[in-house]
Amino acid sequence: MKKRITSMLILVFSLVLVLAGCGNDKASNTQKQEKKDKEAEAVSGASKTSYTPYEELKESYDIIIVGAGGAGMTAALEAKAKGLNPVILEKMPVAGGNTTKASSGMNASETKFQKEQGIKDNNDSFYEETLKGGHGTNNKEMLRFFVDHSASAIDWLDSIGIRLNNLTITGGMSEKRTHRPEDGSAVGQYIVDGLLKNVQEKDIPLFVNADVKEITEKDGNVNGVRVLFNQTDEKAIAAKAVVITTGGFGANMEMIKEVRSDLGDYVTTNQAGSTGDGIKMIEKLGGTTVDLDQIQVHPTVQQDESYLIGEAVRGEGGIMVSAEGKRFTNELDTRDKVTAAINELPEKAAFLVFDAGVKSRVKATDQYKKMGFVLEGETVEALAEKMNVSADELTSTLETWNSAVKNKDDQAFGRTTGIDNDLSSAPFYAIKIAPGIHYTMGGVKINTNTEVLNKEGAPIPGLFAAGEVTGGLHGENRIGGNSVAEIIIFGRQAGVKSAEYVKAK
């Protein structure tokens, strides 16, 4: 009897151990999977790239490109295509810069994709509308170069596997000239991923955590940089030319307050690396600046996360309403005017309202939803309740808007673009927005060869710049979609002209 009891106890005990073991295995497997999921989530976008190991750093290169955003990588690819040996130095842990934040698209006129889709556009119209958007203060020579080279920039991107054939419209434009990825997704990360792929395929070295502190020169000629790697190792690297593509200063609140004290309380959509380093280094070298006080405030920014809600939402038919549930402006007027209209509201905030149709055409809305920005209702009344606005007012607003779309006549605010699609497909959505610092129009002076100019207006030998670090192109207000065009158009030019300079030495 005792033996039987003992045997049974051993059997039960063994079973418990097995079950416990299974439980531990399940728990262990769950923990491992959770860890993998977290790691996969952490390794997203540009951070998937394996950058050049520090051990491979050389003492000299033909061309040093400072900044690995869209302009920098574009310049590197063009310089490499000219047979030269460029290097890219990026102070942040990943490449991409502010380009990764771009969502709406890239403006260009007279493109093959417009022609394929029956969109009649011309460079002169693009020029005039951009000049009007900048209040006539744009550098006209740079603007002319910009529009006349916009179509070839689209072609160049397409030739390296970056296709922007989905067209929409942004504020201040009269035609669909805002080019997006085929699936309507955000343009910035798509371009960054495509450029990085090409940089890797061309074996162009790209070092991250490489904080350039100074542009060096000898006998009046730029001859390299001084750079701090991983905040520990300082190196002097020589080059025959230096291209600065470090972006603007939208994340440097001290610098912003120096030129625009009225913007001190605004949130910023800029990535942390946009601190104006390139501008400061160029000024020390004798370069000059233009329009530093011209800082663009974007009207549609989610305030809690300082996250830009792209203009494509409005371009595809979205509208803005006040806390009363009423429209209050032409949503696709220029950004400065839309911002002013929001700031005139008592709350200095508004709601961006759209439907399932807009959501299907603007893939960036999936990210907005994932981040918790989007209110949703199966009916307009249900959405109004979540927005805490009058259901009657919101229903009336949407009915009036849908009638305007049907008749192609917005009698309330004269909107003539982004009026192709009504808001009638459930579910309905809203995002609460308010203005935020988005872009610095000012920067260093360059010419159409992207040569950096000194106070006398003469080029500083061996020094080039492109992208948001430069000023003059946009004047007092930038049109949505023009910054992405700028980094590609002038990034290409910087690569070509710096290569020509080096070859001529």
Protein backbone atom coordinates (compact mmCIF):
# COMPACT_ATOMS: atom_id res chain seq x y z
CA MET A 1 0.00 0.00 0.00
CA LYS A 2 2.78 2.37 0.99
CA LYS A 3 4.62 1.55 -2.25
CA ARG A 4 1.48 2.34 -4.28
CA ILE A 5 1.04 5.70 -2.52
CA THR A 6 4.71 6.49 -2.97
CA SER A 7 4.50 5.62 -6.69
CA MET A 8 1.41 7.78 -7.12
CA LEU A 9 3.09 10.70 -5.35
CA ILE A 10 6.13 10.38 -7.59
CA LEU A 11 3.86 10.29 -10.66
CA VAL A 12 1.92 13.38 -9.57
CA PHE A 13 5.13 15.22 -8.72
CA SER A 14 6.62 14.32 -12.11
CA LEU A 15 3.49 15.57 -13.85
CA VAL A 16 3.69 18.85 -11.97
CA LEU A 17 7.30 19.27 -13.04
CA VAL A 18 6.43 18.55 -16.67
CA LEU A 19 3.53 20.99 -16.61
CA ALA A 20 5.68 23.60 -14.90
CA GLY A 21 8.35 23.03 -17.50
CA CYS A 22 5.80 23.49 -20.29
CA GLY A 23 4.57 26.63 -18.62
CA ASN A 24 8.10 27.94 -18.32
CA ASP A 25 8.73 27.09 -21.96
CA LYS A 26 5.58 28.96 -22.96
CA ALA A 27 6.51 31.91 -20.80
CA SER A 28 10.05 31.80 -22.12
CA ASN A 29 8.84 31.62 -25.71
CA THR A 30 6.41 34.48 -25.10
CA GLN A 31 9.17 36.59 -23.59
CA LYS A 32 11.48 35.78 -26.49
CA GLN A 33 8.79 36.71 -29.00
CA GLU A 34 8.02 39.95 -27.17
CA LYS A 35 11.71 40.78 -27.21
CA LYS A 36 11.89 40.04 -30.94
CA ASP A 37 8.80 42.19 -31.56
CA LYS A 38 10.33 45.06 -29.60
CA GLU A 39 13.60 44.73 -31.46
CA ALA A 40 11.79 44.61 -34.79
CA GLU A 41 9.82 47.71 -33.83
CA ALA A 42 12.98 49.51 -32.75
CA VAL A 43 14.74 48.69 -36.02
CA SER A 44 12.55 50.58 -38.46
CA GLY A 45 13.01 52.90 -41.42
CA ALA A 46 16.51 54.20 -42.00
CA SER A 47 17.88 52.47 -38.91
CA LYS A 48 17.71 49.12 -40.76
CA THR A 49 20.70 50.24 -42.77
CA SER A 50 24.14 49.01 -41.90
CA TYR A 51 26.34 52.07 -42.09
CA THR A 52 30.05 52.22 -42.87
CA PRO A 53 32.19 51.00 -39.94
CA TYR A 54 34.34 53.64 -38.30
CA GLU A 55 37.43 51.50 -38.96
CA GLU A 56 37.03 52.11 -42.69
CA LEU A 57 37.42 55.89 -42.37
CA LYS A 58 40.07 57.37 -44.66
CA GLU A 59 42.15 60.49 -44.16
CA SER A 60 40.96 62.12 -47.37
CA TYR A 61 38.21 61.95 -50.01
CA ASP A 62 37.49 63.85 -53.21
CA ILE A 63 34.31 65.37 -51.77
CA ILE A 64 32.96 65.48 -48.22
CA ILE A 65 29.18 65.76 -47.94
CA VAL A 66 27.96 66.90 -44.53
CA GLY A 67 24.46 65.61 -43.82
CA ALA A 68 22.74 62.40 -44.95
CA GLY A 69 19.28 63.71 -45.76
CA GLY A 70 17.78 63.75 -49.23
CA ALA A 71 20.03 66.52 -50.54
CA GLY A 72 23.22 64.93 -49.18
CA MET A 73 22.59 61.45 -50.54
CA THR A 74 21.48 62.87 -53.90
CA ALA A 75 24.67 64.94 -54.13
CA ALA A 76 26.77 61.88 -53.28
CA LEU A 77 25.14 59.77 -55.99
CA GLU A 78 25.70 62.44 -58.64
CA ALA A 79 29.33 62.97 -57.58
CA LYS A 80 29.90 59.22 -57.71
CA ALA A 81 28.32 59.10 -61.17
CA LYS A 82 30.93 61.64 -62.26
CA GLY A 83 33.66 59.21 -61.26
CA LEU A 84 34.64 60.79 -57.96
CA ASN A 85 35.05 59.41 -54.45
CA PRO A 86 32.58 61.13 -52.08
CA VAL A 87 31.91 60.43 -48.40
CA ILE A 88 28.81 61.30 -46.37
CA LEU A 89 29.11 62.35 -42.71
CA GLU A 90 25.92 62.36 -40.60
CA LYS A 91 25.84 63.54 -36.99
CA MET A 92 22.69 61.59 -36.07
CA PRO A 93 22.63 57.80 -35.44
CA VAL A 94 20.62 57.24 -38.65
CA ALA A 95 20.46 58.82 -42.09
CA GLY A 96 17.44 60.66 -43.43
CA GLY A 97 17.23 63.94 -41.54
CA ASN A 98 14.10 66.03 -42.04
CA THR A 99 13.48 64.27 -45.34
CA THR A 100 12.01 61.35 -43.39
CA LYS A 101 9.35 63.74 -42.05
CA ALA A 102 8.09 64.77 -45.50
CA SER A 103 4.66 63.34 -46.21
CA SER A 104 2.74 65.10 -48.97
CA GLY A 105 4.96 64.77 -52.04
CA MET A 106 7.39 66.41 -54.47
CA ASN A 107 6.27 69.21 -56.77
CA ALA A 108 7.31 69.20 -60.41
CA SER A 109 5.82 70.48 -63.66
CA GLU A 110 5.69 69.15 -67.22
CA THR A 111 6.55 65.65 -66.01
CA LYS A 112 6.03 62.39 -67.87
CA PHE A 113 3.64 61.22 -65.17
CA GLN A 114 1.48 64.32 -65.56
CA LYS A 115 1.37 63.80 -69.31
CA GLU A 116 0.47 60.12 -68.89
CA GLN A 117 -2.48 61.14 -66.71
CA GLY A 118 -3.68 63.94 -68.97
CA ILE A 119 -2.65 66.76 -66.63
CA LYS A 120 -1.73 69.85 -68.63
CA ASP A 121 0.86 71.82 -66.72
CA ASN A 122 3.71 74.17 -67.56
CA ASN A 123 6.84 75.49 -65.89
CA ASP A 124 5.73 79.11 -66.16
CA SER A 125 2.60 78.39 -64.14
CA PHE A 126 4.65 76.56 -61.51
CA TYR A 127 7.04 79.52 -61.40
CA GLU A 128 4.33 82.17 -61.06
CA GLU A 129 2.37 80.30 -58.39
CA THR A 130 5.50 79.67 -56.32
CA LEU A 131 6.49 83.33 -56.67
CA LYS A 132 3.02 84.38 -55.57
CA GLY A 133 3.18 81.94 -52.65
CA GLY A 134 6.46 83.52 -51.54
CA HIS A 135 4.90 87.00 -51.80
CA GLY A 136 7.19 87.88 -54.71
CA THR A 137 10.31 87.77 -52.52
CA ASN A 138 11.81 84.53 -53.90
CA ASN A 139 15.24 84.58 -55.53
CA LYS A 140 13.99 84.58 -59.11
CA GLU A 141 17.12 83.11 -60.67
CA MET A 142 17.06 80.16 -58.26
CA LEU A 143 13.31 79.75 -58.71
CA ARG A 144 13.62 79.64 -62.50
CA PHE A 145 16.34 76.98 -62.28
CA PHE A 146 14.20 75.08 -59.79
CA VAL A 147 11.05 74.82 -61.90
CA ASP A 148 12.91 74.20 -65.16
CA HIS A 149 14.79 71.24 -63.63
CA SER A 150 11.87 69.75 -61.71
CA ALA A 151 10.73 67.27 -64.38
CA SER A 152 14.24 65.94 -64.93
CA ALA A 153 14.54 65.42 -61.16
CA ILE A 154 11.43 63.20 -61.26
CA ASP A 155 12.97 61.30 -64.19
CA TRP A 156 16.27 60.89 -62.33
CA LEU A 157 14.55 59.47 -59.27
CA ASP A 158 12.60 57.09 -61.49
CA SER A 159 15.83 55.96 -63.15
CA ILE A 160 17.21 54.82 -59.78
CA GLY A 161 14.06 53.01 -58.70
CA ILE A 162 12.23 55.82 -56.88
CA ARG A 163 8.94 56.21 -58.73
CA LEU A 164 6.63 59.11 -57.86
CA ASN A 165 3.68 58.62 -60.21
CA ASN A 166 0.73 59.22 -57.85
CA LEU A 167 -0.37 62.84 -58.24
CA THR A 168 -2.18 65.16 -55.83
CA ILE A 169 -2.30 68.88 -55.08
CA THR A 170 -1.11 71.19 -52.30
CA GLY A 171 -2.05 74.68 -51.18
CA GLY A 172 -1.22 77.52 -53.56
CA MET A 173 -1.03 75.27 -56.63
CA SER A 174 -3.58 75.15 -59.46
CA GLU A 175 -2.61 71.78 -60.93
CA LYS A 176 -1.87 68.29 -59.65
CA ARG A 177 1.91 68.55 -59.60
CA THR A 178 2.62 66.97 -56.20
CA HIS A 179 4.22 63.60 -56.98
CA ARG A 180 3.91 60.74 -54.47
CA PRO A 181 4.79 57.04 -54.31
CA GLU A 182 2.45 54.84 -56.31
CA ASP A 183 0.56 53.61 -53.24
CA GLY A 184 0.00 57.13 -51.90
CA SER A 185 2.27 56.61 -48.91
CA ALA A 186 4.39 59.33 -47.28
CA VAL A 187 7.05 60.53 -49.70
CA GLY A 188 9.91 61.18 -47.26
CA GLN A 189 10.70 57.72 -45.93
CA TYR A 190 10.18 56.25 -49.40
CA ILE A 191 12.77 58.59 -50.91
CA VAL A 192 15.21 58.07 -48.03
CA ASP A 193 14.96 54.29 -48.33
CA GLY A 194 15.48 54.49 -52.09
CA LEU A 195 18.45 56.83 -51.86
CA LEU A 196 20.08 54.74 -49.11
CA LYS A 197 19.71 51.63 -51.24
CA ASN A 198 21.48 53.37 -54.11
CA VAL A 199 24.21 54.79 -51.86
CA GLN A 200 24.93 51.28 -50.60
CA GLU A 201 24.87 49.75 -54.08
CA LYS A 202 27.38 52.38 -55.29
CA ASP A 203 29.66 51.67 -52.30
CA ILE A 204 29.53 55.28 -51.12
CA PRO A 205 30.79 55.42 -47.51
CA LEU A 206 28.24 56.85 -45.08
CA PHE A 207 29.31 57.39 -41.48
CA VAL A 208 26.75 58.14 -38.76
CA ASN A 209 27.43 59.68 -35.32
CA ALA A 210 29.87 61.88 -37.25
CA ASP A 211 29.39 65.43 -35.94
CA VAL A 212 31.19 67.92 -38.17
CA LYS A 213 32.36 70.84 -36.06
CA GLU A 214 34.27 72.96 -38.54
CA ILE A 215 34.90 73.45 -42.25
CA THR A 216 38.64 73.91 -42.76
CA GLU A 217 40.43 75.97 -45.40
CA LYS A 218 43.90 76.85 -46.60
CA ASP A 219 44.85 79.91 -48.65
CA GLY A 220 41.17 80.75 -49.12
CA ASN A 221 40.25 77.30 -50.43
CA VAL A 222 38.08 74.85 -48.50
CA ASN A 223 40.16 71.72 -47.85
CA GLY A 224 38.19 69.50 -45.48
CA VAL A 225 36.41 69.27 -42.14
CA ARG A 226 37.03 68.64 -38.48
CA VAL A 227 34.64 65.96 -37.21
CA LEU A 228 33.85 64.36 -33.86
CA PHE A 229 32.98 60.66 -34.08
CA ASN A 230 30.75 59.12 -31.42
CA GLN A 231 31.34 62.23 -29.28
CA THR A 232 34.85 60.94 -28.48
CA ASP A 233 37.25 60.76 -31.43
CA GLU A 234 38.08 63.98 -33.25
CA LYS A 235 39.51 63.73 -36.76
CA ALA A 236 40.60 66.08 -39.51
CA ILE A 237 39.51 64.78 -42.90
CA ALA A 238 40.81 66.32 -46.10
CA ALA A 239 38.88 66.91 -49.32
CA LYS A 240 39.05 69.00 -52.47
CA ALA A 241 35.45 70.16 -51.99
CA VAL A 242 32.83 70.18 -49.22
CA VAL A 243 29.06 70.08 -49.74
CA ILE A 244 26.90 71.20 -46.81
CA THR A 245 23.45 69.58 -46.66
CA THR A 246 22.78 69.80 -42.92
CA GLY A 247 19.21 71.09 -43.10
CA GLY A 248 17.66 74.07 -41.33
CA PHE A 249 17.38 75.17 -37.70
CA GLY A 250 13.76 74.31 -36.94
CA ALA A 251 14.71 72.29 -33.85
CA ASN A 252 16.97 74.98 -32.38
CA MET A 253 14.58 77.08 -30.30
CA GLU A 254 17.33 79.44 -29.13
CA MET A 255 18.24 80.23 -32.72
CA ILE A 256 14.57 80.63 -33.64
CA LYS A 257 13.94 83.01 -30.74
CA GLU A 258 16.90 85.16 -31.85
CA VAL A 259 15.20 85.90 -35.16
CA ARG A 260 11.53 85.32 -34.26
CA SER A 261 10.75 85.84 -30.59
CA ASP A 262 7.02 85.46 -31.38
CA LEU A 263 7.48 81.75 -32.15
CA GLY A 264 9.01 80.78 -28.82
CA ASP A 265 5.96 78.87 -27.57
CA TYR A 266 5.29 76.84 -30.72
CA VAL A 267 5.93 73.11 -31.04
CA THR A 268 8.25 72.02 -33.87
CA THR A 269 7.85 69.21 -36.37
CA ASN A 270 11.58 69.09 -37.05
CA GLN A 271 13.82 66.15 -36.25
CA ALA A 272 16.31 66.71 -33.42
CA GLY A 273 19.29 67.18 -35.73
CA SER A 274 17.91 70.32 -37.39
CA THR A 275 19.93 72.74 -35.29
CA GLY A 276 21.52 75.06 -37.86
CA ASP A 277 25.05 73.66 -37.60
CA GLY A 278 25.79 74.15 -41.29
CA ILE A 279 24.65 77.76 -41.24
CA LYS A 280 26.91 78.57 -38.27
CA MET A 281 29.95 76.87 -39.79
CA ILE A 282 29.49 78.64 -43.12
CA GLU A 283 29.09 82.02 -41.40
CA LYS A 284 32.41 81.45 -39.59
CA LEU A 285 34.01 80.83 -42.94
CA GLY A 286 32.76 84.13 -44.37
CA GLY A 287 29.51 82.99 -45.92
CA THR A 288 26.40 85.09 -45.61
CA THR A 289 22.72 84.38 -45.00
CA VAL A 290 19.35 85.48 -46.31
CA ASP A 291 15.80 85.45 -44.86
CA LEU A 292 16.69 83.88 -41.50
CA ASP A 293 13.56 85.41 -39.96
CA GLN A 294 11.32 83.71 -42.52
CA ILE A 295 10.19 80.64 -40.59
CA GLN A 296 7.23 78.65 -41.81
CA VAL A 297 4.56 77.64 -39.35
CA HIS A 298 2.59 74.67 -40.70
CA PRO A 299 -1.16 74.85 -40.00
CA THR A 300 -1.85 71.16 -39.35
CA VAL A 301 0.32 69.76 -36.57
CA GLN A 302 -0.80 67.27 -33.91
CA GLN A 303 0.34 69.09 -30.80
CA ASP A 304 0.96 66.27 -28.29
CA GLU A 305 3.59 64.61 -30.47
CA SER A 306 4.53 67.66 -32.59
CA TYR A 307 3.64 65.51 -35.60
CA LEU A 308 2.95 66.97 -39.01
CA ILE A 309 -0.36 66.00 -40.62
CA GLY A 310 0.43 66.17 -44.33
CA GLU A 311 -1.21 68.52 -46.77
CA ALA A 312 -2.26 65.58 -48.93
CA VAL A 313 -5.18 64.95 -46.55
CA ARG A 314 -6.61 68.30 -47.59
CA GLY A 315 -5.45 67.85 -51.17
CA GLU A 316 -7.52 64.68 -51.42
CA GLY A 317 -10.66 66.35 -50.07
CA GLY A 318 -10.27 66.88 -46.32
CA ILE A 319 -11.70 70.00 -44.69
CA MET A 320 -11.04 71.88 -41.46
CA VAL A 321 -13.69 72.83 -38.93
CA SER A 322 -13.68 74.91 -35.77
CA ALA A 323 -14.79 73.82 -32.30
CA GLU A 324 -18.28 74.80 -33.46
CA GLY A 325 -18.15 72.26 -36.28
CA LYS A 326 -17.99 74.93 -39.00
CA ARG A 327 -15.53 75.52 -41.84
CA PHE A 328 -13.65 78.80 -41.45
CA THR A 329 -11.19 79.11 -44.37
CA ASN A 330 -10.07 77.82 -47.75
CA GLU A 331 -8.10 74.79 -46.54
CA LEU A 332 -5.80 74.85 -49.57
CA ASP A 333 -4.80 78.47 -49.41
CA THR A 334 -1.08 79.03 -48.79
CA ARG A 335 0.23 77.79 -45.45
CA ASP A 336 0.71 81.25 -43.95
CA LYS A 337 -2.92 82.19 -44.64
CA VAL A 338 -4.34 78.91 -43.32
CA THR A 339 -2.20 79.27 -40.19
CA ALA A 340 -3.47 82.82 -39.67
CA ALA A 341 -7.07 81.62 -40.00
CA ILE A 342 -6.55 78.97 -37.30
CA ASN A 343 -4.88 81.49 -35.00
CA GLU A 344 -7.91 83.76 -35.32
CA LEU A 345 -10.13 81.08 -33.78
CA PRO A 346 -10.71 81.42 -30.00
CA GLU A 347 -9.06 78.04 -29.38
CA LYS A 348 -6.23 78.65 -31.89
CA ALA A 349 -6.84 75.04 -32.93
CA ALA A 350 -9.16 73.15 -35.27
CA PHE A 351 -10.14 69.70 -36.52
CA LEU A 352 -9.10 68.17 -39.81
CA VAL A 353 -12.06 66.09 -41.01
CA PHE A 354 -11.94 63.39 -43.68
CA ASP A 355 -13.65 60.15 -44.69
CA ALA A 356 -12.79 56.59 -45.72
CA GLY A 357 -12.19 57.75 -49.29
CA VAL A 358 -9.49 60.22 -48.26
CA LYS A 359 -8.02 57.61 -45.94
CA SER A 360 -7.71 55.12 -48.80
CA ARG A 361 -5.94 57.68 -51.00
CA VAL A 362 -3.54 58.99 -48.34
CA LYS A 363 -1.66 56.08 -46.77
CA ALA A 364 -0.02 58.38 -44.21
CA THR A 365 -3.36 58.37 -42.37
CA ASP A 366 -2.64 54.77 -41.35
CA GLN A 367 0.36 56.06 -39.39
CA TYR A 368 -1.72 58.86 -37.85
CA LYS A 369 -4.25 56.27 -36.70
CA LYS A 370 -1.54 53.97 -35.35
CA MET A 371 -0.15 56.84 -33.30
CA GLY A 372 -3.54 57.49 -31.73
CA PHE A 373 -4.27 60.85 -33.36
CA VAL A 374 -7.44 59.87 -35.19
CA LEU A 375 -11.00 60.12 -33.88
CA GLU A 376 -13.41 57.80 -35.72
CA GLY A 377 -17.16 57.49 -36.11
CA GLU A 378 -19.34 55.22 -38.22
CA THR A 379 -21.63 58.20 -38.76
CA VAL A 380 -21.08 61.95 -38.83
CA GLU A 381 -23.10 62.19 -35.61
CA ALA A 382 -20.87 59.62 -33.89
CA LEU A 383 -17.76 61.50 -34.99
CA ALA A 384 -19.21 64.81 -33.77
CA GLU A 385 -19.76 63.28 -30.34
CA LYS A 386 -16.12 62.22 -30.12
CA MET A 387 -15.00 65.67 -31.29
CA ASN A 388 -17.33 67.29 -28.74
CA VAL A 389 -18.88 69.49 -31.42
CA SER A 390 -22.48 70.03 -32.46
CA ALA A 391 -23.69 67.08 -34.55
CA ASP A 392 -26.16 69.33 -36.36
CA GLU A 393 -23.45 71.85 -37.25
CA LEU A 394 -20.98 69.21 -38.44
CA THR A 395 -23.67 67.45 -40.49
CA SER A 396 -24.69 70.75 -42.06
CA THR A 397 -21.03 71.61 -42.79
CA LEU A 398 -20.42 68.30 -44.56
CA GLU A 399 -23.68 68.56 -46.53
CA THR A 400 -22.70 72.05 -47.71
CA TRP A 401 -19.20 70.89 -48.59
CA ASN A 402 -20.44 67.86 -50.51
CA SER A 403 -22.79 70.10 -52.47
CA ALA A 404 -19.86 72.40 -53.27
CA VAL A 405 -17.86 69.41 -54.53
CA LYS A 406 -20.76 68.23 -56.67
CA ASN A 407 -21.20 71.68 -58.23
CA LYS A 408 -17.44 72.46 -58.25
CA ASP A 409 -18.33 75.74 -56.53
CA ASP A 410 -17.24 76.51 -52.96
CA GLN A 411 -19.32 79.62 -52.38
CA ALA A 412 -18.27 79.84 -48.73
CA PHE A 413 -14.51 80.19 -49.15
CA GLY A 414 -13.72 79.98 -52.85
CA ARG A 415 -11.71 76.77 -52.71
CA THR A 416 -11.00 75.58 -56.25
CA THR A 417 -8.50 72.75 -55.67
CA GLY A 418 -8.81 69.45 -53.83
CA ILE A 419 -12.51 69.58 -54.63
CA ASP A 420 -12.79 66.39 -56.66
CA ASN A 421 -13.97 64.07 -53.88
CA ASP A 422 -16.83 64.57 -51.44
CA LEU A 423 -16.86 63.37 -47.84
CA SER A 424 -19.59 60.75 -47.82
CA SER A 425 -17.88 57.39 -47.26
CA ALA A 426 -18.08 55.97 -43.74
CA PRO A 427 -16.28 55.74 -41.41
CA PHE A 428 -15.58 59.42 -40.79
CA TYR A 429 -12.42 60.72 -39.15
CA ALA A 430 -11.01 63.81 -37.43
CA ILE A 431 -7.63 64.88 -36.09
CA LYS A 432 -7.23 67.84 -33.77
CA ILE A 433 -4.53 70.16 -35.11
CA ALA A 434 -2.91 73.54 -34.50
CA PRO A 435 0.06 75.36 -36.04
CA GLY A 436 3.67 74.33 -35.39
CA ILE A 437 7.14 75.37 -36.58
CA HIS A 438 7.84 73.38 -39.69
CA TYR A 439 10.46 74.86 -41.99
CA THR A 440 13.12 77.56 -42.06
CA MET A 441 13.00 79.32 -45.42
CA GLY A 442 16.17 81.28 -44.68
CA GLY A 443 19.73 80.02 -44.78
CA VAL A 444 23.06 80.55 -46.49
CA LYS A 445 23.29 82.31 -49.83
CA ILE A 446 24.13 80.18 -52.85
CA ASN A 447 23.92 80.65 -56.61
CA THR A 448 22.37 78.26 -59.12
CA ASN A 449 25.65 76.32 -59.19
CA THR A 450 25.08 75.71 -55.44
CA GLU A 451 28.33 77.58 -54.69
CA VAL A 452 28.24 79.24 -51.26
CA LEU A 453 28.60 83.01 -51.56
CA ASN A 454 30.52 85.39 -49.30
CA LYS A 455 29.45 88.88 -48.24
CA GLU A 456 30.76 90.28 -51.54
CA GLY A 457 28.64 87.84 -53.50
CA ALA A 458 31.62 85.79 -54.69
CA PRO A 459 31.81 81.98 -54.37
CA ILE A 460 33.89 80.53 -51.55
CA PRO A 461 36.21 78.17 -53.46
CA GLY A 462 35.42 74.51 -52.84
CA LEU A 463 32.28 75.10 -50.75
CA PHE A 464 28.81 74.07 -51.93
CA ALA A 465 25.41 73.76 -50.22
CA ALA A 466 21.93 72.45 -50.98
CA GLY A 467 18.59 71.91 -49.28
CA GLU A 468 17.08 73.59 -46.24
CA VAL A 469 20.49 74.89 -45.10
CA THR A 470 20.21 77.40 -47.96
CA GLY A 471 17.89 80.39 -48.28
CA GLY A 472 16.24 82.50 -50.96
CA LEU A 473 14.32 79.99 -53.06
CA HIS A 474 11.04 80.09 -51.12
CA GLY A 475 10.90 83.76 -50.15
CA GLU A 476 8.51 84.51 -47.29
CA ASN A 477 6.40 81.35 -47.60
CA ARG A 478 7.11 77.85 -48.90
CA ILE A 479 4.60 75.95 -51.01
CA GLY A 480 3.93 72.41 -49.76
CA GLY A 481 5.84 69.88 -51.89
CA ASN A 482 8.58 72.31 -52.87
CA SER A 483 11.07 71.32 -50.17
CA VAL A 484 11.33 67.73 -51.42
CA ALA A 485 11.76 69.08 -54.95
CA GLU A 486 14.46 71.46 -53.70
CA ILE A 487 16.59 68.76 -52.05
CA ILE A 488 16.57 66.60 -55.19
CA ILE A 489 17.02 69.40 -57.75
CA PHE A 490 19.76 71.29 -55.90
CA GLY A 491 21.21 68.13 -54.36
CA ARG A 492 21.85 66.87 -57.89
CA GLN A 493 23.34 70.21 -58.88
CA ALA A 494 25.64 70.23 -55.83
CA GLY A 495 26.92 66.78 -56.72
CA VAL A 496 27.54 67.72 -60.34
CA LYS A 497 29.14 71.12 -59.69
CA SER A 498 31.36 69.98 -56.81
CA ALA A 499 32.58 67.15 -59.05
CA GLU A 500 33.33 69.60 -61.85
CA TYR A 501 35.22 71.80 -59.40
CA VAL A 502 37.37 68.90 -58.17
CA LYS A 503 38.14 67.71 -61.68
CA ALA A 504 39.21 71.20 -62.70
CA LYS A 505 41.72 71.51 -59.84
